[in-house]
N, C-alpha and C. Protein backbone atom coordinates (compact mmCIF):
# COMPACT_ATOMS: atom_id res chain seq x y z
N MET A 1 -15.15 5.71 -0.09
CA MET A 1 -13.93 6.48 -0.30
C MET A 1 -13.30 6.13 -1.63
N GLY A 2 -14.14 5.81 -2.60
CA GLY A 2 -13.67 5.37 -3.89
C GLY A 2 -12.88 6.38 -4.67
N SER A 3 -13.00 7.66 -4.37
CA SER A 3 -12.27 8.67 -5.14
C SER A 3 -10.88 8.94 -4.59
N MET A 4 -10.51 8.29 -3.49
CA MET A 4 -9.20 8.52 -2.89
C MET A 4 -8.20 7.46 -3.35
N TRP A 5 -6.93 7.82 -3.28
CA TRP A 5 -5.85 6.92 -3.67
C TRP A 5 -5.50 6.03 -2.49
N GLU A 6 -5.02 4.84 -2.81
CA GLU A 6 -4.59 3.90 -1.78
C GLU A 6 -3.50 3.01 -2.34
N PHE A 7 -2.80 2.36 -1.43
CA PHE A 7 -1.79 1.40 -1.83
C PHE A 7 -2.44 0.03 -1.97
N PRO A 8 -1.91 -0.82 -2.84
CA PRO A 8 -2.45 -2.18 -2.93
C PRO A 8 -2.22 -2.92 -1.62
N GLY A 9 -3.07 -3.88 -1.36
CA GLY A 9 -2.94 -4.69 -0.16
C GLY A 9 -4.30 -5.03 0.39
N GLY A 10 -4.33 -5.66 1.53
CA GLY A 10 -5.60 -6.03 2.12
C GLY A 10 -5.42 -6.81 3.40
N LYS A 11 -6.47 -7.47 3.80
CA LYS A 11 -6.49 -8.20 5.06
C LYS A 11 -5.61 -9.44 5.02
N ILE A 12 -5.03 -9.73 6.16
CA ILE A 12 -4.23 -10.94 6.32
C ILE A 12 -5.18 -12.10 6.62
N GLU A 13 -5.08 -13.15 5.83
CA GLU A 13 -5.92 -14.33 6.02
C GLU A 13 -5.32 -15.22 7.11
N PRO A 14 -6.14 -16.02 7.78
CA PRO A 14 -5.60 -16.93 8.80
C PRO A 14 -4.47 -17.79 8.23
N GLY A 15 -3.39 -17.89 8.98
CA GLY A 15 -2.25 -18.70 8.58
C GLY A 15 -1.24 -17.98 7.70
N GLU A 16 -1.53 -16.74 7.29
CA GLU A 16 -0.61 -15.97 6.45
C GLU A 16 0.23 -15.01 7.30
N SER A 17 1.44 -14.77 6.85
CA SER A 17 2.23 -13.68 7.40
C SER A 17 1.81 -12.40 6.67
N ALA A 18 2.19 -11.27 7.19
CA ALA A 18 1.88 -10.00 6.52
C ALA A 18 2.52 -9.96 5.13
N GLN A 19 3.73 -10.47 4.99
CA GLN A 19 4.41 -10.49 3.70
C GLN A 19 3.70 -11.40 2.70
N GLU A 20 3.25 -12.56 3.16
CA GLU A 20 2.51 -13.48 2.30
C GLU A 20 1.19 -12.86 1.85
N ALA A 21 0.53 -12.16 2.77
CA ALA A 21 -0.73 -11.50 2.42
C ALA A 21 -0.51 -10.44 1.35
N LEU A 22 0.55 -9.66 1.47
CA LEU A 22 0.82 -8.63 0.47
C LEU A 22 1.12 -9.26 -0.88
N ALA A 23 1.93 -10.31 -0.90
CA ALA A 23 2.23 -10.99 -2.16
C ALA A 23 0.95 -11.51 -2.82
N ARG A 24 0.07 -12.10 -2.02
CA ARG A 24 -1.21 -12.60 -2.55
C ARG A 24 -2.07 -11.46 -3.08
N GLU A 25 -2.17 -10.38 -2.31
CA GLU A 25 -2.98 -9.24 -2.73
C GLU A 25 -2.44 -8.59 -4.01
N LEU A 26 -1.13 -8.49 -4.14
CA LEU A 26 -0.55 -7.91 -5.35
C LEU A 26 -0.84 -8.78 -6.56
N SER A 27 -0.86 -10.08 -6.36
CA SER A 27 -1.23 -10.98 -7.45
C SER A 27 -2.69 -10.79 -7.83
N GLU A 28 -3.57 -10.74 -6.83
CA GLU A 28 -5.00 -10.59 -7.09
C GLU A 28 -5.35 -9.22 -7.67
N GLU A 29 -4.73 -8.16 -7.17
CA GLU A 29 -5.10 -6.80 -7.54
C GLU A 29 -4.37 -6.27 -8.78
N LEU A 30 -3.11 -6.71 -8.96
CA LEU A 30 -2.30 -6.18 -10.06
C LEU A 30 -1.76 -7.24 -11.00
N GLY A 31 -1.99 -8.50 -10.70
CA GLY A 31 -1.54 -9.57 -11.57
C GLY A 31 -0.04 -9.78 -11.62
N ILE A 32 0.67 -9.39 -10.57
CA ILE A 32 2.12 -9.56 -10.54
C ILE A 32 2.53 -10.52 -9.45
N ARG A 33 3.73 -11.09 -9.61
CA ARG A 33 4.32 -11.94 -8.58
C ARG A 33 5.46 -11.13 -7.96
N ALA A 34 5.22 -10.66 -6.74
CA ALA A 34 6.15 -9.74 -6.11
C ALA A 34 7.05 -10.42 -5.09
N GLU A 35 8.27 -9.93 -5.00
CA GLU A 35 9.18 -10.31 -3.94
C GLU A 35 9.06 -9.24 -2.86
N VAL A 36 8.36 -9.57 -1.80
CA VAL A 36 8.11 -8.59 -0.74
C VAL A 36 9.37 -8.47 0.11
N GLY A 37 9.84 -7.25 0.22
CA GLY A 37 11.07 -6.97 0.95
C GLY A 37 10.83 -6.59 2.40
N PRO A 38 11.75 -5.81 2.96
CA PRO A 38 11.68 -5.48 4.38
C PRO A 38 10.52 -4.53 4.71
N ALA A 39 10.14 -4.57 5.98
CA ALA A 39 9.11 -3.66 6.47
C ALA A 39 9.62 -2.22 6.36
N VAL A 40 8.73 -1.33 5.97
CA VAL A 40 9.05 0.10 5.88
C VAL A 40 8.54 0.81 7.13
N THR A 41 7.30 0.55 7.50
CA THR A 41 6.73 1.15 8.70
C THR A 41 5.42 0.45 9.04
N ARG A 42 4.93 0.75 10.21
CA ARG A 42 3.64 0.22 10.68
C ARG A 42 2.87 1.38 11.29
N ILE A 43 1.60 1.46 10.97
CA ILE A 43 0.77 2.57 11.44
C ILE A 43 -0.51 2.02 12.05
N ARG A 44 -0.87 2.51 13.21
CA ARG A 44 -2.19 2.22 13.80
C ARG A 44 -2.96 3.53 13.74
N HIS A 45 -4.06 3.50 13.00
CA HIS A 45 -4.86 4.71 12.79
C HIS A 45 -6.26 4.53 13.35
N HIS A 46 -6.67 5.50 14.17
CA HIS A 46 -8.02 5.50 14.75
C HIS A 46 -8.85 6.53 14.00
N TYR A 47 -9.96 6.08 13.44
CA TYR A 47 -10.84 6.99 12.71
C TYR A 47 -11.75 7.74 13.69
N ARG A 48 -12.07 8.98 13.36
CA ARG A 48 -12.90 9.82 14.22
C ARG A 48 -14.27 9.22 14.50
N ARG A 49 -14.82 8.55 13.53
CA ARG A 49 -16.16 7.98 13.68
C ARG A 49 -16.13 6.57 14.27
N GLY A 50 -15.00 6.20 14.77
CA GLY A 50 -14.85 4.88 15.37
C GLY A 50 -14.12 3.92 14.46
N GLY A 51 -13.60 2.90 15.05
CA GLY A 51 -12.85 1.91 14.29
C GLY A 51 -11.38 2.29 14.18
N ALA A 52 -10.59 1.30 13.93
CA ALA A 52 -9.15 1.50 13.79
C ALA A 52 -8.60 0.50 12.79
N VAL A 53 -7.47 0.84 12.20
CA VAL A 53 -6.78 -0.06 11.29
C VAL A 53 -5.32 -0.15 11.71
N ASP A 54 -4.74 -1.31 11.51
CA ASP A 54 -3.33 -1.53 11.75
C ASP A 54 -2.71 -1.82 10.38
N LEU A 55 -1.93 -0.87 9.87
CA LEU A 55 -1.37 -0.98 8.53
C LEU A 55 0.12 -1.28 8.60
N GLN A 56 0.54 -2.22 7.75
CA GLN A 56 1.96 -2.55 7.63
C GLN A 56 2.37 -2.30 6.19
N PHE A 57 3.49 -1.62 6.02
CA PHE A 57 3.99 -1.30 4.69
C PHE A 57 5.35 -1.95 4.48
N PHE A 58 5.51 -2.53 3.29
CA PHE A 58 6.74 -3.25 2.94
C PHE A 58 7.28 -2.72 1.63
N ALA A 59 8.58 -2.78 1.46
CA ALA A 59 9.20 -2.42 0.19
C ALA A 59 9.05 -3.59 -0.78
N VAL A 60 8.70 -3.28 -2.01
CA VAL A 60 8.68 -4.27 -3.09
C VAL A 60 9.54 -3.67 -4.20
N ARG A 61 10.71 -4.21 -4.39
CA ARG A 61 11.64 -3.67 -5.38
C ARG A 61 11.71 -4.52 -6.64
N GLU A 62 11.19 -5.75 -6.56
CA GLU A 62 11.23 -6.64 -7.72
C GLU A 62 9.91 -7.39 -7.85
N PHE A 63 9.48 -7.54 -9.08
CA PHE A 63 8.30 -8.35 -9.36
C PHE A 63 8.38 -8.86 -10.79
N THR A 64 7.64 -9.91 -11.06
CA THR A 64 7.56 -10.44 -12.42
C THR A 64 6.11 -10.31 -12.89
N GLY A 65 5.97 -10.24 -14.19
CA GLY A 65 4.66 -10.08 -14.81
C GLY A 65 4.40 -8.64 -15.17
N GLU A 66 3.41 -8.46 -16.00
CA GLU A 66 2.98 -7.12 -16.39
C GLU A 66 1.86 -6.67 -15.47
N ILE A 67 1.93 -5.43 -15.00
CA ILE A 67 0.87 -4.92 -14.14
C ILE A 67 -0.42 -4.86 -14.94
N SER A 68 -1.44 -5.47 -14.36
CA SER A 68 -2.76 -5.52 -14.96
C SER A 68 -3.77 -5.08 -13.90
N ASN A 69 -4.36 -3.93 -14.08
CA ASN A 69 -5.29 -3.38 -13.11
C ASN A 69 -6.53 -4.27 -13.00
N GLN A 70 -6.69 -4.93 -11.87
CA GLN A 70 -7.80 -5.86 -11.67
C GLN A 70 -8.99 -5.25 -10.93
N ILE A 71 -8.74 -4.22 -10.08
CA ILE A 71 -9.84 -3.73 -9.23
C ILE A 71 -9.92 -2.21 -9.08
N TYR A 72 -8.88 -1.50 -9.43
CA TYR A 72 -8.84 -0.06 -9.15
C TYR A 72 -9.41 0.76 -10.31
N GLN A 73 -9.81 2.00 -9.99
CA GLN A 73 -10.24 2.91 -11.05
C GLN A 73 -9.04 3.28 -11.92
N GLN A 74 -7.89 3.51 -11.27
CA GLN A 74 -6.66 3.86 -11.98
C GLN A 74 -5.47 3.29 -11.21
N VAL A 75 -4.39 3.05 -11.92
CA VAL A 75 -3.12 2.67 -11.32
C VAL A 75 -2.08 3.63 -11.88
N ARG A 76 -1.23 4.17 -11.00
CA ARG A 76 -0.18 5.10 -11.45
C ARG A 76 1.12 4.83 -10.72
N TRP A 77 2.22 4.96 -11.48
CA TRP A 77 3.55 5.00 -10.90
C TRP A 77 3.91 6.49 -10.81
N VAL A 78 4.29 6.96 -9.65
CA VAL A 78 4.70 8.36 -9.50
C VAL A 78 5.96 8.43 -8.66
N LYS A 79 6.68 9.52 -8.80
CA LYS A 79 7.85 9.76 -7.96
C LYS A 79 7.39 9.97 -6.53
N LEU A 80 8.21 9.54 -5.58
CA LEU A 80 7.84 9.68 -4.17
C LEU A 80 7.52 11.12 -3.81
N GLU A 81 8.30 12.05 -4.31
CA GLU A 81 8.07 13.47 -3.97
C GLU A 81 6.76 14.01 -4.54
N ASP A 82 6.17 13.32 -5.49
CA ASP A 82 4.89 13.76 -6.07
C ASP A 82 3.67 13.17 -5.36
N LEU A 83 3.86 12.27 -4.41
CA LEU A 83 2.74 11.62 -3.74
C LEU A 83 1.82 12.60 -3.00
N THR A 84 2.38 13.70 -2.49
CA THR A 84 1.55 14.64 -1.73
C THR A 84 0.52 15.35 -2.60
N GLY A 85 0.63 15.24 -3.90
CA GLY A 85 -0.35 15.83 -4.80
C GLY A 85 -1.59 14.97 -5.02
N TYR A 86 -1.64 13.82 -4.38
CA TYR A 86 -2.77 12.90 -4.52
C TYR A 86 -3.53 12.83 -3.19
N GLU A 87 -4.83 12.65 -3.26
CA GLU A 87 -5.64 12.57 -2.05
C GLU A 87 -5.71 11.13 -1.57
N PHE A 88 -5.01 10.85 -0.48
CA PHE A 88 -4.98 9.52 0.11
C PHE A 88 -5.91 9.45 1.32
N LEU A 89 -6.23 8.24 1.72
CA LEU A 89 -7.00 8.02 2.93
C LEU A 89 -6.26 8.60 4.13
N ALA A 90 -7.00 9.01 5.15
CA ALA A 90 -6.41 9.64 6.34
C ALA A 90 -5.32 8.77 6.96
N ALA A 91 -5.51 7.47 6.99
CA ALA A 91 -4.53 6.57 7.61
C ALA A 91 -3.18 6.58 6.90
N ASP A 92 -3.16 6.95 5.62
CA ASP A 92 -1.93 6.94 4.83
C ASP A 92 -1.19 8.28 4.79
N ARG A 93 -1.80 9.34 5.26
CA ARG A 93 -1.25 10.69 5.03
C ARG A 93 0.10 10.94 5.68
N GLY A 94 0.32 10.44 6.90
CA GLY A 94 1.63 10.59 7.53
C GLY A 94 2.70 9.84 6.76
N LEU A 95 2.36 8.65 6.30
CA LEU A 95 3.28 7.86 5.49
C LEU A 95 3.63 8.60 4.20
N ILE A 96 2.63 9.18 3.56
CA ILE A 96 2.85 9.91 2.31
C ILE A 96 3.84 11.05 2.52
N LYS A 97 3.65 11.81 3.59
CA LYS A 97 4.57 12.93 3.89
C LYS A 97 5.99 12.43 4.11
N ASP A 98 6.13 11.32 4.86
CA ASP A 98 7.46 10.77 5.13
C ASP A 98 8.11 10.22 3.86
N LEU A 99 7.34 9.54 3.03
CA LEU A 99 7.90 9.04 1.76
C LEU A 99 8.34 10.19 0.86
N ALA A 100 7.49 11.20 0.75
CA ALA A 100 7.80 12.35 -0.13
C ALA A 100 9.03 13.11 0.38
N ALA A 101 9.23 13.13 1.69
CA ALA A 101 10.39 13.83 2.27
C ALA A 101 11.66 12.97 2.26
N GLY A 102 11.56 11.72 1.79
CA GLY A 102 12.73 10.85 1.73
C GLY A 102 13.12 10.26 3.08
N LYS A 103 12.19 10.21 4.03
CA LYS A 103 12.51 9.72 5.38
C LYS A 103 12.46 8.20 5.51
N LEU A 104 11.80 7.51 4.59
CA LEU A 104 11.60 6.06 4.77
C LEU A 104 12.34 5.18 3.77
N LEU A 105 12.52 5.62 2.57
CA LEU A 105 13.18 4.78 1.55
C LEU A 105 14.39 5.49 0.99
């Protein structure tokens, strides 16, 4: 699914909280030190071909360092209302609609 857009983040390692995992992933993926804020939403998505993911999303309003793309094909900052113009993974689509409609932030 390399041609689809996604949010930074990844798996929670043993002994980490979800917030700690996101801070670590943002450092590894974007080279920033983020202050992870409150939870925005949580989604459990079941894929048609089997398998499921449990996604947690948090607000990050402050970070230090310059964003340095470490793993992605592209990195973009866009307005929330413009997110629906990008092709995201199925698990993220409901979140994208809610963010674009101003329902979550």
